Amino acid sequence: MKDELVIQNRPKANISEDIRTIRTNLQFTSDEDSKVLLVTSSIPGEGKSFISSNLAVAFAQTGEPTLIVDSDLRLGRIHKIFDVSNGKGLSNMLVAPSTSEYPEYIKKTNIPNLYVISRGTVPPNPSELLNSPNTKKIIKILKESFQHIIFDGVPINGLPDSLIMANLVDRVILVTTVGYTSIDELNESKKALEKIDAKIAGVVVNKTPATKRGKYSNYYE
């Protein structure tokens, strides 16, 4: 699974350069109040975890403390990508009796400046858990320690989880895949985000046809 971290393992690859371009675009359009980002997609299989993980590494490489949080409480696999324990994660953190326990849920990776909160135990009620007041409280506390916080969310179409999170974060990135995601599915996701006044930072187009720039590319609105 570590092979997915191309920006760490193959820093000179075209894909890695594209990820750094996304990072730079986000930096240029951000301010001190834009620390928290949600990466989501329309449907499963579009590569959102690949994008969120590599983007987190890219931010950590700037020397600033960065946190990636797996908010896919059903099928999240961030712990596998970064090879950390999933014993205690976000779901457990959300029901923790005291904020003093929060540090034990934050795991250091082998990448300098990068930390992970895994998904944790799969709860019976993921949407309700994310919609609890504790989520907002956790984000507020995490912002005191991290310059960049990236939430890897579930696909938008069919589940309310990422729309709940979109209301709590500063900006949203929508990942889509050429030849896989239909225009209707992408538009449906965009409209769902706009309906709740989420701030869409941009759309990342994944797995575009091979060009001189390589396999992955991106564009921003």
N, C-alpha and C. Protein backbone atom coordinates (compact mmCIF):
# COMPACT_ATOMS: atom_id res chain seq x y z
N MET A 1 0.82 -1.20 0.00
CA MET A 1 0.00 0.00 0.00
C MET A 1 0.86 1.27 0.00
N LYS A 2 2.11 1.15 0.50
CA LYS A 2 2.97 2.32 0.57
C LYS A 2 3.30 2.86 -0.82
N ASP A 3 3.16 2.02 -1.85
CA ASP A 3 3.44 2.45 -3.21
C ASP A 3 2.51 3.58 -3.65
N GLU A 4 1.39 3.75 -2.96
CA GLU A 4 0.45 4.82 -3.32
C GLU A 4 1.02 6.19 -3.01
N LEU A 5 1.99 6.27 -2.12
CA LEU A 5 2.58 7.55 -1.75
C LEU A 5 3.67 7.92 -2.76
N VAL A 6 3.23 8.22 -3.96
CA VAL A 6 4.18 8.47 -5.04
C VAL A 6 5.01 9.71 -4.79
N ILE A 7 4.44 10.70 -4.15
CA ILE A 7 5.17 11.94 -3.92
C ILE A 7 6.34 11.72 -2.95
N GLN A 8 6.23 10.68 -2.13
CA GLN A 8 7.31 10.33 -1.22
C GLN A 8 8.32 9.39 -1.88
N ASN A 9 7.81 8.42 -2.61
CA ASN A 9 8.66 7.38 -3.17
C ASN A 9 9.21 7.71 -4.56
N ARG A 10 8.48 8.56 -5.30
CA ARG A 10 8.92 8.94 -6.64
C ARG A 10 8.73 10.45 -6.82
N PRO A 11 9.50 11.23 -6.08
CA PRO A 11 9.28 12.69 -6.06
C PRO A 11 9.46 13.38 -7.41
N LYS A 12 10.20 12.76 -8.33
CA LYS A 12 10.43 13.40 -9.62
C LYS A 12 9.41 12.98 -10.68
N ALA A 13 8.51 12.10 -10.34
CA ALA A 13 7.51 11.64 -11.29
C ALA A 13 6.54 12.77 -11.65
N ASN A 14 5.95 12.69 -12.83
CA ASN A 14 4.98 13.70 -13.25
C ASN A 14 3.80 13.78 -12.29
N ILE A 15 3.39 12.63 -11.79
CA ILE A 15 2.26 12.60 -10.85
C ILE A 15 2.59 13.43 -9.62
N SER A 16 3.81 13.28 -9.12
CA SER A 16 4.23 14.02 -7.93
C SER A 16 4.23 15.52 -8.19
N GLU A 17 4.67 15.89 -9.38
CA GLU A 17 4.66 17.31 -9.75
C GLU A 17 3.24 17.86 -9.78
N ASP A 18 2.31 17.05 -10.28
CA ASP A 18 0.91 17.47 -10.31
C ASP A 18 0.36 17.68 -8.89
N ILE A 19 0.73 16.77 -7.99
CA ILE A 19 0.28 16.91 -6.60
C ILE A 19 0.83 18.20 -5.98
N ARG A 20 2.10 18.48 -6.25
CA ARG A 20 2.69 19.72 -5.73
C ARG A 20 2.01 20.96 -6.33
N THR A 21 1.57 20.85 -7.57
CA THR A 21 0.84 21.96 -8.20
C THR A 21 -0.49 22.20 -7.49
N ILE A 22 -1.17 21.13 -7.15
CA ILE A 22 -2.42 21.26 -6.39
C ILE A 22 -2.14 21.93 -5.05
N ARG A 23 -1.09 21.48 -4.37
CA ARG A 23 -0.71 22.08 -3.09
C ARG A 23 -0.47 23.59 -3.24
N THR A 24 0.29 23.95 -4.28
CA THR A 24 0.61 25.36 -4.49
C THR A 24 -0.64 26.18 -4.76
N ASN A 25 -1.54 25.65 -5.58
CA ASN A 25 -2.80 26.35 -5.86
C ASN A 25 -3.59 26.58 -4.59
N LEU A 26 -3.62 25.57 -3.73
CA LEU A 26 -4.34 25.70 -2.47
C LEU A 26 -3.68 26.74 -1.56
N GLN A 27 -2.36 26.76 -1.54
CA GLN A 27 -1.64 27.73 -0.72
C GLN A 27 -1.90 29.16 -1.19
N PHE A 28 -1.91 29.36 -2.49
CA PHE A 28 -2.11 30.70 -3.03
C PHE A 28 -3.52 31.23 -2.81
N THR A 29 -4.47 30.33 -2.65
CA THR A 29 -5.86 30.75 -2.49
C THR A 29 -6.36 30.60 -1.06
N SER A 30 -5.43 30.40 -0.12
CA SER A 30 -5.84 30.18 1.27
C SER A 30 -5.45 31.35 2.15
N ASP A 31 -6.01 31.37 3.35
CA ASP A 31 -5.61 32.32 4.37
C ASP A 31 -5.52 31.56 5.69
N GLU A 32 -5.29 32.27 6.76
CA GLU A 32 -5.09 31.63 8.07
C GLU A 32 -6.33 30.86 8.52
N ASP A 33 -7.49 31.22 7.97
CA ASP A 33 -8.74 30.56 8.36
C ASP A 33 -9.11 29.42 7.42
N SER A 34 -8.19 29.00 6.57
CA SER A 34 -8.48 27.94 5.60
C SER A 34 -7.58 26.73 5.82
N LYS A 35 -7.49 26.30 7.06
CA LYS A 35 -6.59 25.20 7.40
C LYS A 35 -7.18 23.83 7.09
N VAL A 36 -8.50 23.72 7.09
CA VAL A 36 -9.15 22.41 7.08
C VAL A 36 -9.78 22.13 5.71
N LEU A 37 -9.38 21.00 5.14
CA LEU A 37 -9.79 20.64 3.78
C LEU A 37 -10.46 19.26 3.79
N LEU A 38 -11.52 19.12 3.03
CA LEU A 38 -12.16 17.82 2.82
C LEU A 38 -11.91 17.38 1.39
N VAL A 39 -11.42 16.16 1.21
CA VAL A 39 -11.26 15.57 -0.12
C VAL A 39 -12.33 14.50 -0.27
N THR A 40 -13.18 14.66 -1.28
CA THR A 40 -14.26 13.71 -1.49
C THR A 40 -14.42 13.45 -2.98
N SER A 41 -15.40 12.63 -3.35
CA SER A 41 -15.65 12.29 -4.74
C SER A 41 -17.15 12.06 -4.91
N SER A 42 -17.55 11.76 -6.12
CA SER A 42 -18.97 11.50 -6.38
C SER A 42 -19.34 10.06 -6.02
N ILE A 43 -18.50 9.12 -6.49
CA ILE A 43 -18.77 7.70 -6.31
C ILE A 43 -17.47 7.00 -5.88
N PRO A 44 -17.57 5.76 -5.39
CA PRO A 44 -16.36 5.04 -5.00
C PRO A 44 -15.43 4.77 -6.19
N GLY A 45 -14.15 4.67 -5.91
CA GLY A 45 -13.19 4.27 -6.93
C GLY A 45 -12.58 5.38 -7.76
N GLU A 46 -12.74 6.63 -7.32
CA GLU A 46 -12.22 7.76 -8.11
C GLU A 46 -10.83 8.20 -7.68
N GLY A 47 -10.31 7.61 -6.63
CA GLY A 47 -8.94 7.92 -6.22
C GLY A 47 -8.82 9.03 -5.20
N LYS A 48 -9.86 9.29 -4.43
CA LYS A 48 -9.81 10.38 -3.46
C LYS A 48 -8.79 10.10 -2.35
N SER A 49 -8.66 8.85 -1.92
CA SER A 49 -7.68 8.54 -0.86
C SER A 49 -6.25 8.68 -1.37
N PHE A 50 -6.05 8.36 -2.64
CA PHE A 50 -4.74 8.57 -3.27
C PHE A 50 -4.41 10.07 -3.28
N ILE A 51 -5.36 10.88 -3.67
CA ILE A 51 -5.14 12.33 -3.74
C ILE A 51 -4.94 12.91 -2.34
N SER A 52 -5.81 12.56 -1.40
CA SER A 52 -5.72 13.15 -0.06
C SER A 52 -4.41 12.75 0.63
N SER A 53 -3.99 11.50 0.46
CA SER A 53 -2.77 11.02 1.10
C SER A 53 -1.53 11.71 0.54
N ASN A 54 -1.44 11.79 -0.78
CA ASN A 54 -0.28 12.43 -1.39
C ASN A 54 -0.27 13.94 -1.16
N LEU A 55 -1.45 14.52 -1.10
CA LEU A 55 -1.54 15.95 -0.80
C LEU A 55 -1.09 16.24 0.63
N ALA A 56 -1.44 15.35 1.55
CA ALA A 56 -1.00 15.50 2.93
C ALA A 56 0.52 15.43 3.02
N VAL A 57 1.13 14.49 2.29
CA VAL A 57 2.59 14.38 2.27
C VAL A 57 3.20 15.66 1.68
N ALA A 58 2.58 16.18 0.63
CA ALA A 58 3.09 17.39 -0.02
C ALA A 58 3.10 18.57 0.95
N PHE A 59 2.05 18.72 1.73
CA PHE A 59 2.01 19.80 2.73
C PHE A 59 3.05 19.57 3.82
N ALA A 60 3.19 18.33 4.27
CA ALA A 60 4.17 18.02 5.31
C ALA A 60 5.58 18.32 4.83
N GLN A 61 5.82 18.16 3.54
CA GLN A 61 7.15 18.40 2.99
C GLN A 61 7.53 19.88 3.00
N THR A 62 6.56 20.75 3.24
CA THR A 62 6.87 22.18 3.35
C THR A 62 7.42 22.51 4.74
N GLY A 63 7.41 21.52 5.64
CA GLY A 63 7.91 21.73 6.99
C GLY A 63 6.85 22.13 7.99
N GLU A 64 5.60 22.21 7.55
CA GLU A 64 4.51 22.62 8.44
C GLU A 64 3.77 21.39 8.97
N PRO A 65 3.37 21.40 10.25
CA PRO A 65 2.67 20.25 10.82
C PRO A 65 1.35 19.99 10.10
N THR A 66 1.21 18.77 9.63
CA THR A 66 0.07 18.39 8.79
C THR A 66 -0.60 17.14 9.35
N LEU A 67 -1.91 17.11 9.30
CA LEU A 67 -2.69 15.99 9.81
C LEU A 67 -3.65 15.50 8.74
N ILE A 68 -3.68 14.20 8.49
CA ILE A 68 -4.71 13.62 7.63
C ILE A 68 -5.63 12.78 8.50
N VAL A 69 -6.94 13.01 8.35
CA VAL A 69 -7.95 12.35 9.18
C VAL A 69 -8.86 11.52 8.28
N ASP A 70 -9.03 10.26 8.62
CA ASP A 70 -9.90 9.38 7.84
C ASP A 70 -11.33 9.51 8.36
N SER A 71 -12.16 10.25 7.62
CA SER A 71 -13.55 10.42 8.03
C SER A 71 -14.49 9.49 7.27
N ASP A 72 -13.91 8.51 6.58
CA ASP A 72 -14.72 7.42 6.02
C ASP A 72 -14.78 6.35 7.10
N LEU A 73 -15.78 6.46 7.96
CA LEU A 73 -15.87 5.56 9.11
C LEU A 73 -16.35 4.17 8.73
N ARG A 74 -16.69 3.98 7.45
CA ARG A 74 -17.16 2.67 7.00
C ARG A 74 -16.02 1.84 6.38
N LEU A 75 -15.36 2.42 5.38
CA LEU A 75 -14.38 1.67 4.60
C LEU A 75 -13.02 2.36 4.52
N GLY A 76 -12.80 3.34 5.35
CA GLY A 76 -11.57 4.12 5.28
C GLY A 76 -10.32 3.25 5.34
N ARG A 77 -9.30 3.63 4.55
CA ARG A 77 -8.08 2.81 4.48
C ARG A 77 -6.81 3.65 4.64
N ILE A 78 -6.95 4.84 5.19
CA ILE A 78 -5.78 5.70 5.38
C ILE A 78 -4.73 5.01 6.26
N HIS A 79 -5.20 4.24 7.24
CA HIS A 79 -4.24 3.54 8.12
C HIS A 79 -3.40 2.54 7.35
N LYS A 80 -3.98 1.97 6.28
CA LYS A 80 -3.22 1.01 5.46
C LYS A 80 -2.21 1.74 4.59
N ILE A 81 -2.59 2.87 4.05
CA ILE A 81 -1.69 3.63 3.18
C ILE A 81 -0.45 4.08 3.95
N PHE A 82 -0.67 4.50 5.21
CA PHE A 82 0.44 5.02 6.01
C PHE A 82 1.00 3.99 7.00
N ASP A 83 0.45 2.78 6.95
CA ASP A 83 0.95 1.69 7.78
C ASP A 83 0.97 2.05 9.27
N VAL A 84 -0.20 2.51 9.76
CA VAL A 84 -0.35 2.80 11.18
C VAL A 84 -1.50 1.97 11.74
N SER A 85 -1.56 1.88 13.05
CA SER A 85 -2.61 1.11 13.69
C SER A 85 -3.98 1.76 13.53
N ASN A 86 -5.00 0.94 13.39
CA ASN A 86 -6.38 1.45 13.32
C ASN A 86 -7.13 1.14 14.62
N GLY A 87 -6.39 0.74 15.66
CA GLY A 87 -7.03 0.37 16.91
C GLY A 87 -7.87 1.47 17.52
N LYS A 88 -7.35 2.67 17.47
CA LYS A 88 -8.08 3.83 17.97
C LYS A 88 -8.03 4.91 16.90
N GLY A 89 -9.21 5.36 16.49
CA GLY A 89 -9.26 6.35 15.43
C GLY A 89 -10.36 7.37 15.66
N LEU A 90 -10.80 8.00 14.56
CA LEU A 90 -11.77 9.08 14.66
C LEU A 90 -13.07 8.65 15.33
N SER A 91 -13.58 7.47 14.97
CA SER A 91 -14.84 7.03 15.56
C SER A 91 -14.73 6.90 17.08
N ASN A 92 -13.59 6.40 17.54
CA ASN A 92 -13.36 6.28 18.98
C ASN A 92 -13.16 7.65 19.63
N MET A 93 -12.48 8.51 18.91
CA MET A 93 -12.23 9.87 19.39
C MET A 93 -13.54 10.64 19.59
N LEU A 94 -14.50 10.40 18.69
CA LEU A 94 -15.78 11.12 18.75
C LEU A 94 -16.62 10.75 19.97
N VAL A 95 -16.34 9.60 20.54
CA VAL A 95 -17.10 9.19 21.73
C VAL A 95 -16.22 9.19 22.98
N ALA A 96 -15.02 9.72 22.87
CA ALA A 96 -14.12 9.79 24.02
C ALA A 96 -14.73 10.67 25.10
N PRO A 97 -14.66 10.24 26.36
CA PRO A 97 -15.29 11.01 27.44
C PRO A 97 -14.59 12.33 27.76
N SER A 98 -13.32 12.46 27.33
CA SER A 98 -12.57 13.66 27.70
C SER A 98 -11.63 14.08 26.57
N THR A 99 -11.48 15.38 26.39
CA THR A 99 -10.56 15.89 25.38
C THR A 99 -9.11 15.58 25.74
N SER A 100 -8.85 15.29 26.99
CA SER A 100 -7.48 14.96 27.41
C SER A 100 -6.99 13.67 26.77
N GLU A 101 -7.93 12.86 26.25
CA GLU A 101 -7.56 11.60 25.60
C GLU A 101 -7.19 11.79 24.13
N TYR A 102 -7.48 12.96 23.55
CA TYR A 102 -7.30 13.17 22.12
C TYR A 102 -5.90 12.86 21.61
N PRO A 103 -4.83 13.25 22.31
CA PRO A 103 -3.49 13.00 21.76
C PRO A 103 -3.20 11.53 21.45
N GLU A 104 -3.82 10.60 22.18
CA GLU A 104 -3.51 9.19 21.95
C GLU A 104 -4.11 8.66 20.64
N TYR A 105 -4.99 9.44 20.03
CA TYR A 105 -5.59 9.03 18.75
C TYR A 105 -4.79 9.54 17.55
N ILE A 106 -3.86 10.45 17.81
CA ILE A 106 -3.05 11.04 16.74
C ILE A 106 -1.75 10.26 16.60
N LYS A 107 -1.55 9.66 15.44
CA LYS A 107 -0.40 8.78 15.22
C LYS A 107 0.65 9.45 14.35
N LYS A 108 1.90 9.34 14.75
CA LYS A 108 3.00 9.88 13.96
C LYS A 108 3.31 8.90 12.83
N THR A 109 3.54 9.44 11.64
CA THR A 109 3.95 8.60 10.52
C THR A 109 5.47 8.64 10.41
N ASN A 110 6.02 7.87 9.47
CA ASN A 110 7.47 7.91 9.27
C ASN A 110 7.89 9.05 8.35
N ILE A 111 6.92 9.91 8.01
CA ILE A 111 7.19 11.09 7.20
C ILE A 111 7.24 12.31 8.12
N PRO A 112 8.32 13.06 8.13
CA PRO A 112 8.43 14.22 9.01
C PRO A 112 7.25 15.18 8.87
N ASN A 113 6.76 15.66 10.00
CA ASN A 113 5.68 16.65 10.08
C ASN A 113 4.29 16.11 9.73
N LEU A 114 4.17 14.80 9.48
CA LEU A 114 2.88 14.25 9.07
C LEU A 114 2.31 13.30 10.13
N TYR A 115 1.05 13.53 10.48
CA TYR A 115 0.36 12.74 11.48
C TYR A 115 -0.96 12.23 10.90
N VAL A 116 -1.47 11.15 11.51
CA VAL A 116 -2.67 10.49 11.01
C VAL A 116 -3.66 10.24 12.15
N ILE A 117 -4.93 10.46 11.87
CA ILE A 117 -6.00 9.91 12.70
C ILE A 117 -6.75 8.93 11.81
N SER A 118 -6.67 7.65 12.13
CA SER A 118 -7.31 6.62 11.31
C SER A 118 -8.82 6.65 11.53
N ARG A 119 -9.54 5.79 10.83
CA ARG A 119 -11.01 5.80 10.96
C ARG A 119 -11.47 5.24 12.29
N GLY A 120 -10.73 4.28 12.84
CA GLY A 120 -11.11 3.65 14.10
C GLY A 120 -12.13 2.53 13.90
N THR A 121 -12.73 2.11 14.99
CA THR A 121 -13.72 1.03 14.97
C THR A 121 -14.93 1.45 14.14
N VAL A 122 -15.39 0.57 13.26
CA VAL A 122 -16.57 0.89 12.44
C VAL A 122 -17.79 0.99 13.34
N PRO A 123 -18.42 2.17 13.42
CA PRO A 123 -19.57 2.35 14.32
C PRO A 123 -20.87 1.93 13.64
N PRO A 124 -21.91 1.72 14.41
CA PRO A 124 -23.21 1.36 13.82
C PRO A 124 -23.90 2.55 13.17
N ASN A 125 -23.46 3.76 13.50
CA ASN A 125 -24.15 4.96 13.03
C ASN A 125 -23.16 6.04 12.57
N PRO A 126 -22.40 5.79 11.50
CA PRO A 126 -21.36 6.74 11.08
C PRO A 126 -21.87 8.16 10.85
N SER A 127 -22.99 8.31 10.15
CA SER A 127 -23.49 9.65 9.83
C SER A 127 -23.87 10.42 11.09
N GLU A 128 -24.56 9.74 12.00
CA GLU A 128 -24.97 10.40 13.24
C GLU A 128 -23.76 10.79 14.08
N LEU A 129 -22.74 9.93 14.07
CA LEU A 129 -21.54 10.20 14.84
C LEU A 129 -20.81 11.43 14.30
N LEU A 130 -20.68 11.52 12.98
CA LEU A 130 -20.03 12.69 12.38
C LEU A 130 -20.83 13.96 12.58
N ASN A 131 -22.13 13.82 12.72
CA ASN A 131 -23.03 14.97 12.86
C ASN A 131 -23.15 15.43 14.31
N SER A 132 -22.41 14.81 15.20
CA SER A 132 -22.48 15.19 16.61
C SER A 132 -21.67 16.45 16.87
N PRO A 133 -21.98 17.19 17.93
CA PRO A 133 -21.22 18.41 18.26
C PRO A 133 -19.74 18.13 18.49
N ASN A 134 -19.40 16.89 18.83
CA ASN A 134 -18.00 16.55 19.10
C ASN A 134 -17.09 16.75 17.88
N THR A 135 -17.64 16.56 16.68
CA THR A 135 -16.83 16.72 15.47
C THR A 135 -16.33 18.15 15.35
N LYS A 136 -17.22 19.09 15.54
CA LYS A 136 -16.84 20.51 15.47
C LYS A 136 -15.82 20.84 16.56
N LYS A 137 -16.02 20.27 17.73
CA LYS A 137 -15.11 20.53 18.85
C LYS A 137 -13.72 19.96 18.54
N ILE A 138 -13.68 18.77 17.98
CA ILE A 138 -12.41 18.14 17.64
C ILE A 138 -11.65 18.97 16.61
N ILE A 139 -12.35 19.43 15.58
CA ILE A 139 -11.70 20.23 14.54
C ILE A 139 -11.11 21.51 15.15
N LYS A 140 -11.85 22.14 16.01
CA LYS A 140 -11.37 23.38 16.65
C LYS A 140 -10.09 23.13 17.43
N ILE A 141 -10.04 22.02 18.16
CA ILE A 141 -8.85 21.69 18.96
C ILE A 141 -7.67 21.33 18.06
N LEU A 142 -7.93 20.57 16.99
CA LEU A 142 -6.85 20.16 16.09
C LEU A 142 -6.23 21.36 15.37
N LYS A 143 -7.03 22.37 15.08
CA LYS A 143 -6.53 23.56 14.38
C LYS A 143 -5.49 24.32 15.21
N GLU A 144 -5.49 24.08 16.50
CA GLU A 144 -4.53 24.75 17.37
C GLU A 144 -3.13 24.15 17.22
N SER A 145 -3.06 22.90 16.74
CA SER A 145 -1.77 22.20 16.67
C SER A 145 -1.26 21.97 15.25
N PHE A 146 -2.15 22.06 14.26
CA PHE A 146 -1.75 21.73 12.89
C PHE A 146 -2.04 22.87 11.93
N GLN A 147 -1.10 23.07 11.01
CA GLN A 147 -1.25 24.11 10.01
C GLN A 147 -2.15 23.66 8.87
N HIS A 148 -2.12 22.34 8.59
CA HIS A 148 -2.95 21.79 7.51
C HIS A 148 -3.65 20.53 8.03
N ILE A 149 -4.95 20.46 7.83
CA ILE A 149 -5.73 19.30 8.24
C ILE A 149 -6.55 18.84 7.03
N ILE A 150 -6.35 17.60 6.61
CA ILE A 150 -7.06 17.05 5.45
C ILE A 150 -7.95 15.90 5.89
N PHE A 151 -9.23 16.01 5.63
CA PHE A 151 -10.17 14.93 5.90
C PHE A 151 -10.40 14.14 4.62
N ASP A 152 -10.19 12.84 4.68
CA ASP A 152 -10.51 11.96 3.55
C ASP A 152 -11.92 11.45 3.79
N GLY A 153 -12.86 11.89 2.95
CA GLY A 153 -14.27 11.59 3.19
C GLY A 153 -14.83 10.49 2.31
N VAL A 154 -16.08 10.15 2.54
CA VAL A 154 -16.77 9.15 1.71
C VAL A 154 -17.27 9.83 0.44
N PRO A 155 -17.60 9.06 -0.60
CA PRO A 155 -18.22 9.65 -1.78
C PRO A 155 -19.53 10.34 -1.41
N ILE A 156 -19.87 11.39 -2.13
CA ILE A 156 -21.04 12.20 -1.81
C ILE A 156 -22.35 11.51 -2.18
N ASN A 157 -22.40 10.95 -3.39
CA ASN A 157 -23.66 10.40 -3.88
C ASN A 157 -24.05 9.13 -3.13
N GLY A 158 -25.15 9.19 -2.42
CA GLY A 158 -25.67 8.03 -1.71
C GLY A 158 -25.49 8.06 -0.21
N LEU A 159 -24.57 8.89 0.30
CA LEU A 159 -24.32 8.96 1.73
C LEU A 159 -24.23 10.42 2.18
N PRO A 160 -24.71 10.73 3.38
CA PRO A 160 -24.68 12.12 3.86
C PRO A 160 -23.38 12.52 4.54
N ASP A 161 -22.47 11.56 4.79
CA ASP A 161 -21.29 11.82 5.61
C ASP A 161 -20.46 13.00 5.15
N SER A 162 -20.12 13.05 3.87
CA SER A 162 -19.24 14.11 3.37
C SER A 162 -19.96 15.46 3.31
N LEU A 163 -21.26 15.46 3.14
CA LEU A 163 -21.99 16.72 3.19
C LEU A 163 -22.00 17.26 4.62
N ILE A 164 -22.07 16.36 5.58
CA ILE A 164 -21.95 16.77 6.99
C ILE A 164 -20.58 17.39 7.23
N MET A 165 -19.55 16.74 6.74
CA MET A 165 -18.18 17.23 6.93
C MET A 165 -17.95 18.53 6.15
N ALA A 166 -18.55 18.64 4.97
CA ALA A 166 -18.37 19.84 4.15
C ALA A 166 -18.85 21.09 4.87
N ASN A 167 -19.82 20.91 5.76
CA ASN A 167 -20.33 22.03 6.56
C ASN A 167 -19.37 22.46 7.65
N LEU A 168 -18.41 21.60 7.97
CA LEU A 168 -17.53 21.85 9.11
C LEU A 168 -16.12 22.26 8.70
N VAL A 169 -15.74 21.98 7.46
CA VAL A 169 -14.38 22.29 7.00
C VAL A 169 -14.36 23.65 6.31
N ASP A 170 -13.15 24.10 5.97
CA ASP A 170 -13.01 25.41 5.33
C ASP A 170 -13.19 25.33 3.81
N ARG A 171 -12.70 24.22 3.21
CA ARG A 171 -12.79 24.08 1.75
C ARG A 171 -12.93 22.61 1.38
N VAL A 172 -13.43 22.39 0.17
CA VAL A 172 -13.66 21.02 -0.32
C VAL A 172 -12.99 20.84 -1.68
N ILE A 173 -12.33 19.70 -1.85
CA ILE A 173 -11.82 19.28 -3.17
C ILE A 173 -12.64 18.09 -3.63
N LEU A 174 -13.09 18.15 -4.85
CA LEU A 174 -13.89 17.06 -5.44
C LEU A 174 -13.04 16.33 -6.46
N VAL A 175 -12.84 15.03 -6.24
CA VAL A 175 -12.04 14.20 -7.15
C VAL A 175 -12.96 13.49 -8.13
N THR A 176 -12.58 13.51 -9.39
CA THR A 176 -13.36 12.83 -10.41
C THR A 176 -12.40 12.08 -11.35
N THR A 177 -12.89 11.05 -12.02
CA THR A 177 -12.03 10.24 -12.88
C THR A 177 -12.55 10.20 -14.31
N VAL A 178 -11.66 10.48 -15.24
CA VAL A 178 -12.00 10.47 -16.66
C VAL A 178 -12.43 9.08 -17.10
N GLY A 179 -13.55 8.99 -17.81
CA GLY A 179 -14.02 7.72 -18.33
C GLY A 179 -14.66 6.81 -17.29
N TYR A 180 -14.82 7.33 -16.09
CA TYR A 180 -15.39 6.53 -15.00
C TYR A 180 -16.57 7.26 -14.36
N THR A 181 -16.37 8.52 -14.06
CA THR A 181 -17.43 9.34 -13.47
C THR A 181 -18.22 10.00 -14.59
N SER A 182 -19.53 9.90 -14.53
CA SER A 182 -20.34 10.56 -15.55
C SER A 182 -20.49 12.05 -15.21
N ILE A 183 -20.76 12.84 -16.23
CA ILE A 183 -20.97 14.28 -16.02
C ILE A 183 -22.16 14.50 -15.08
N ASP A 184 -23.19 13.68 -15.21
CA ASP A 184 -24.36 13.81 -14.34
C ASP A 184 -24.00 13.57 -12.88
N GLU A 185 -23.15 12.57 -12.64
CA GLU A 185 -22.73 12.27 -11.26
C GLU A 185 -21.90 13.41 -10.68
N LEU A 186 -21.01 13.96 -11.50
CA LEU A 186 -20.18 15.08 -11.05
C LEU A 186 -21.05 16.31 -10.77
N ASN A 187 -21.98 16.60 -11.67
CA ASN A 187 -22.87 17.75 -11.47
C ASN A 187 -23.75 17.59 -10.24
N GLU A 188 -24.19 16.36 -10.01
CA GLU A 188 -25.02 16.09 -8.85
C GLU A 188 -24.24 16.36 -7.55
N SER A 189 -22.99 15.95 -7.54
CA SER A 189 -22.15 16.20 -6.36
C SER A 189 -21.91 17.69 -6.16
N LYS A 190 -21.61 18.37 -7.24
CA LYS A 190 -21.35 19.81 -7.19
C LYS A 190 -22.58 20.56 -6.67
N LYS A 191 -23.75 20.18 -7.18
CA LYS A 191 -24.99 20.84 -6.74
C LYS A 191 -25.27 20.56 -5.27
N ALA A 192 -24.99 19.33 -4.83
CA ALA A 192 -25.22 18.97 -3.42
C ALA A 192 -24.33 19.82 -2.50
N LEU A 193 -23.09 20.05 -2.92
CA LEU A 193 -22.18 20.88 -2.13
C LEU A 193 -22.61 22.34 -2.15
N GLU A 194 -23.02 22.82 -3.31
CA GLU A 194 -23.46 24.21 -3.42
C GLU A 194 -24.73 24.46 -2.62
N LYS A 195 -25.56 23.45 -2.52
CA LYS A 195 -26.83 23.59 -1.79
C LYS A 195 -26.60 23.88 -0.32
N ILE A 196 -25.50 23.37 0.22
CA ILE A 196 -25.20 23.61 1.64
C ILE A 196 -24.15 24.72 1.80
N ASP A 197 -23.90 25.45 0.70
CA ASP A 197 -22.95 26.57 0.71
C ASP A 197 -21.53 26.15 1.06
N ALA A 198 -21.16 24.94 0.67
CA ALA A 198 -19.78 24.50 0.88
C ALA A 198 -18.87 25.26 -0.07
N LYS A 199 -17.66 25.56 0.38
CA LYS A 199 -16.70 26.28 -0.45
C LYS A 199 -15.87 25.26 -1.22
N ILE A 200 -16.14 25.14 -2.52
CA ILE A 200 -15.42 24.19 -3.37
C ILE A 200 -14.12 24.84 -3.84
N ALA A 201 -12.99 24.30 -3.35
CA ALA A 201 -11.69 24.85 -3.74
C ALA A 201 -11.36 24.49 -5.18
N GLY A 202 -11.81 23.32 -5.62
CA GLY A 202 -11.53 22.92 -6.99
C GLY A 202 -11.89 21.47 -7.24
N VAL A 203 -11.69 21.07 -8.47
CA VAL A 203 -11.94 19.69 -8.90
C VAL A 203 -10.63 19.11 -9.40
N VAL A 204 -10.28 17.93 -8.90
CA VAL A 204 -9.09 17.23 -9.37
C VAL A 204 -9.55 16.15 -10.35
N VAL A 205 -9.03 16.21 -11.57
CA VAL A 205 -9.38 15.23 -12.59
C VAL A 205 -8.31 14.14 -12.58
N ASN A 206 -8.71 12.95 -12.22
CA ASN A 206 -7.78 11.84 -12.00
C ASN A 206 -7.73 10.92 -13.22
N LYS A 207 -6.53 10.40 -13.47
CA LYS A 207 -6.34 9.41 -14.54
C LYS A 207 -6.79 9.91 -15.91
N THR A 208 -6.31 11.08 -16.26
CA THR A 208 -6.59 11.60 -17.60
C THR A 208 -5.76 10.82 -18.62
N PRO A 209 -6.14 10.87 -19.90
CA PRO A 209 -5.35 10.17 -20.92
C PRO A 209 -3.89 10.63 -20.87
N ALA A 210 -2.98 9.71 -21.11
CA ALA A 210 -1.55 10.01 -21.02
C ALA A 210 -1.17 11.14 -21.96
N THR A 211 -0.42 12.10 -21.41
CA THR A 211 0.10 13.22 -22.19
C THR A 211 1.54 13.43 -21.76
N LYS A 212 2.12 14.51 -22.22
CA LYS A 212 3.49 14.83 -21.79
C LYS A 212 3.54 15.07 -20.27
N ARG A 213 2.40 15.42 -19.68
CA ARG A 213 2.36 15.68 -18.25
C ARG A 213 2.18 14.41 -17.44
N GLY A 214 1.95 13.29 -18.08
CA GLY A 214 1.83 12.05 -17.32
C GLY A 214 0.39 11.61 -17.17
N LYS A 215 0.16 10.73 -16.24
CA LYS A 215 -1.13 10.06 -16.12
C LYS A 215 -2.18 10.87 -15.37
N TYR A 216 -1.73 11.72 -14.44
CA TYR A 216 -2.67 12.44 -13.61
C TYR A 216 -2.60 13.93 -13.91
N SER A 217 -3.73 14.58 -13.83
CA SER A 217 -3.72 16.03 -13.98
C SER A 217 -4.85 16.61 -13.16
N ASN A 218 -4.92 17.93 -13.18
CA ASN A 218 -5.93 18.56 -12.33
C ASN A 218 -6.35 19.90 -12.92
N TYR A 219 -7.51 20.38 -12.50
CA TYR A 219 -7.88 21.74 -12.84
C TYR A 219 -8.66 22.33 -11.69
N TYR A 220 -8.71 23.63 -11.67
CA TYR A 220 -9.41 24.32 -10.60
C TYR A 220 -10.43 25.28 -11.16
N GLU A 221 -11.52 25.45 -10.42
CA GLU A 221 -12.57 26.36 -10.85
C GLU A 221 -12.18 27.79 -10.54
